[in-house]
Protein backbone atom coordinates (compact mmCIF):
# COMPACT_ATOMS: atom_id res chain seq x y z
CA GLN A 1 172.31 179.77 291.37
CA VAL A 2 172.51 182.30 294.01
CA GLN A 3 170.03 185.38 293.15
CA LEU A 4 169.57 188.40 295.13
CA VAL A 5 166.79 190.94 294.64
CA GLU A 6 166.83 194.39 296.50
CA SER A 7 164.44 196.35 297.21
CA GLY A 8 163.60 199.82 299.32
CA GLY A 9 165.63 202.52 297.75
CA GLY A 10 164.22 206.28 297.35
CA SER A 11 164.56 209.71 297.98
CA VAL A 12 164.90 211.22 301.53
CA GLN A 13 166.02 214.74 302.84
CA ALA A 14 168.68 214.92 305.06
CA GLY A 15 168.19 213.45 308.64
CA GLY A 16 165.78 210.92 307.20
CA SER A 17 165.87 207.32 307.33
CA LEU A 18 165.62 204.16 304.85
CA ARG A 19 165.64 200.51 304.85
CA LEU A 20 167.24 198.27 301.99
CA SER A 21 165.63 194.82 301.84
CA CYS A 22 167.67 191.67 299.86
CA VAL A 23 166.29 188.71 299.37
CA ALA A 24 168.39 186.17 298.89
CA SER A 25 167.71 182.72 296.88
CA GLY A 26 169.30 179.42 295.67
CA TYR A 27 171.75 178.40 298.31
CA THR A 28 171.45 177.09 302.08
CA HIS A 29 174.83 176.98 302.99
CA SER A 30 175.57 176.98 306.49
CA SER A 31 179.02 179.34 306.15
CA TYR A 32 178.10 182.77 304.41
CA CYS A 33 179.13 186.58 304.01
CA MET A 34 176.97 189.17 303.16
CA GLY A 35 177.35 192.81 302.66
CA TRP A 36 176.03 195.93 301.32
CA PHE A 37 178.38 198.33 299.06
CA ARG A 38 177.69 201.57 297.44
CA GLN A 39 179.06 203.53 294.66
CA ALA A 40 178.39 207.21 293.76
CA PRO A 41 179.23 208.91 290.48
CA GLY A 42 182.46 209.30 289.81
CA LYS A 43 183.41 207.32 292.71
CA GLU A 44 184.84 203.92 293.45
CA ARG A 45 182.56 201.19 294.85
CA GLU A 46 182.96 201.03 298.55
CA GLY A 47 182.46 198.72 301.24
CA VAL A 48 179.02 200.22 303.55
CA ALA A 49 178.50 197.06 305.88
CA ALA A 50 179.02 193.46 305.93
CA SER A 51 177.81 190.42 308.28
CA ASN A 52 178.85 186.72 308.32
CA SER A 53 177.53 183.53 309.64
CA ASP A 54 178.50 183.94 313.13
CA GLY A 55 176.67 187.01 313.43
CA SER A 56 179.45 189.19 313.32
CA THR A 57 178.94 192.65 311.92
CA SER A 58 181.62 195.51 310.27
CA TYR A 59 180.81 198.97 309.18
CA ALA A 60 182.47 201.87 307.20
CA ASP A 61 183.79 204.52 309.47
CA SER A 62 181.36 206.80 307.66
CA VAL A 63 178.33 205.09 308.63
CA LYS A 64 178.98 203.69 312.05
CA GLY A 65 176.49 204.63 314.53
CA ARG A 66 173.84 205.71 311.57
CA PHE A 67 173.32 202.45 309.78
CA THR A 68 172.80 198.78 310.77
CA ILE A 69 172.98 195.65 309.10
CA SER A 70 170.82 192.65 309.88
CA LEU A 71 169.68 189.24 308.69
CA ASP A 72 166.76 187.78 309.08
CA ASN A 73 167.16 183.80 308.50
CA ALA A 74 163.81 182.81 308.30
CA LYS A 75 162.86 185.25 305.14
CA ASN A 76 166.60 184.85 303.74
CA THR A 77 166.68 188.63 303.84
CA LEU A 78 169.42 190.91 304.60
CA TYR A 79 168.68 194.44 305.73
CA LEU A 80 170.19 197.79 305.66
CA GLN A 81 168.36 200.55 308.07
CA MET A 82 169.95 203.81 307.36
CA ASN A 83 169.36 206.58 309.65
CA SER A 84 170.36 210.16 310.01
CA LEU A 85 170.93 210.32 306.36
CA LYS A 86 173.84 212.76 304.87
CA THR A 87 173.97 213.96 301.40
CA GLU A 88 176.97 212.17 300.69
CA ASP A 89 175.25 208.92 301.40
CA THR A 90 173.56 209.51 297.78
CA ALA A 91 174.71 206.28 295.82
CA MET A 92 173.57 203.26 294.13
CA TYR A 93 173.21 200.67 296.71
CA TYR A 94 173.98 196.73 296.05
CA CYS A 95 173.87 193.77 298.18
CA ALA A 96 176.36 191.06 297.85
CA ALA A 97 176.78 187.02 298.83
CA GLU A 98 179.56 184.76 298.97
CA PRO A 99 178.65 181.24 300.02
CA TRP A 100 181.35 179.07 301.72
CA CYS A 101 182.65 182.39 303.30
CA THR A 102 184.87 182.10 306.33
CA MET A 103 185.92 185.46 306.38
CA THR A 104 185.34 187.73 309.64
CA ALA A 105 183.16 190.50 309.05
CA THR A 106 185.80 193.08 308.84
CA GLN A 107 187.65 191.23 306.02
CA ALA A 108 184.23 190.82 304.09
CA LEU A 109 183.66 194.40 304.30
CA GLY A 110 186.74 194.74 301.73
CA ALA A 111 186.22 191.26 300.01
CA GLU A 112 185.15 190.38 296.43
CA TYR A 113 182.21 188.68 295.85
CA ASN A 114 180.75 186.58 293.46
CA TYR A 115 176.83 187.13 293.93
CA TRP A 116 175.08 191.17 293.49
CA GLY A 117 171.64 192.38 293.46
CA GLN A 118 170.54 194.61 290.76
CA GLY A 119 171.35 197.92 293.21
CA SER A 120 169.16 200.30 294.69
CA GLN A 121 169.23 203.86 294.42
CA VAL A 122 169.13 206.06 297.58
CA THR A 123 169.13 209.93 296.76
CA VAL A 124 169.50 212.21 299.92
CA SER A 125 168.64 215.89 299.37
CA SER A 126 169.67 218.93 301.76
C-alpha cells in the first residue's frame, strides 16, 4: 500500500519561501509519476508541478520560475521548493503519486492520481 506523508507547510509573508516534503513508502516501482496539487477555498484543485521517473518536470504557468519540484530517490522524498510566494499561492497543498505511470510530466500535471498525501496548509500574507 502506497503511503504519502507531507510536512513543511506554514505561514509566510509575501516574497518569502517555504519547502514542502512528501515521504513515499510502500512501492519500489521503477516507473512512476508524482506531483503537487493545491486547492484554495471555493476553487477547484489545480496541478502545481509534476515529475516522472525519467526526471522530466512540468509546472503550472502561475508558478513557473518560482517553484521547483525535485525528488530524492535515496530518501523516497518529493519536495516542492516555493520561492517568491504570493498571496494567491495560499491553499492546501497535496502531493500525489502514481506507480506504473508512463505519462510525460506535462500529462502528469493534469492526471488523476490514486495516492494522495494528507495535505499541508500554506498561507501567504501581504
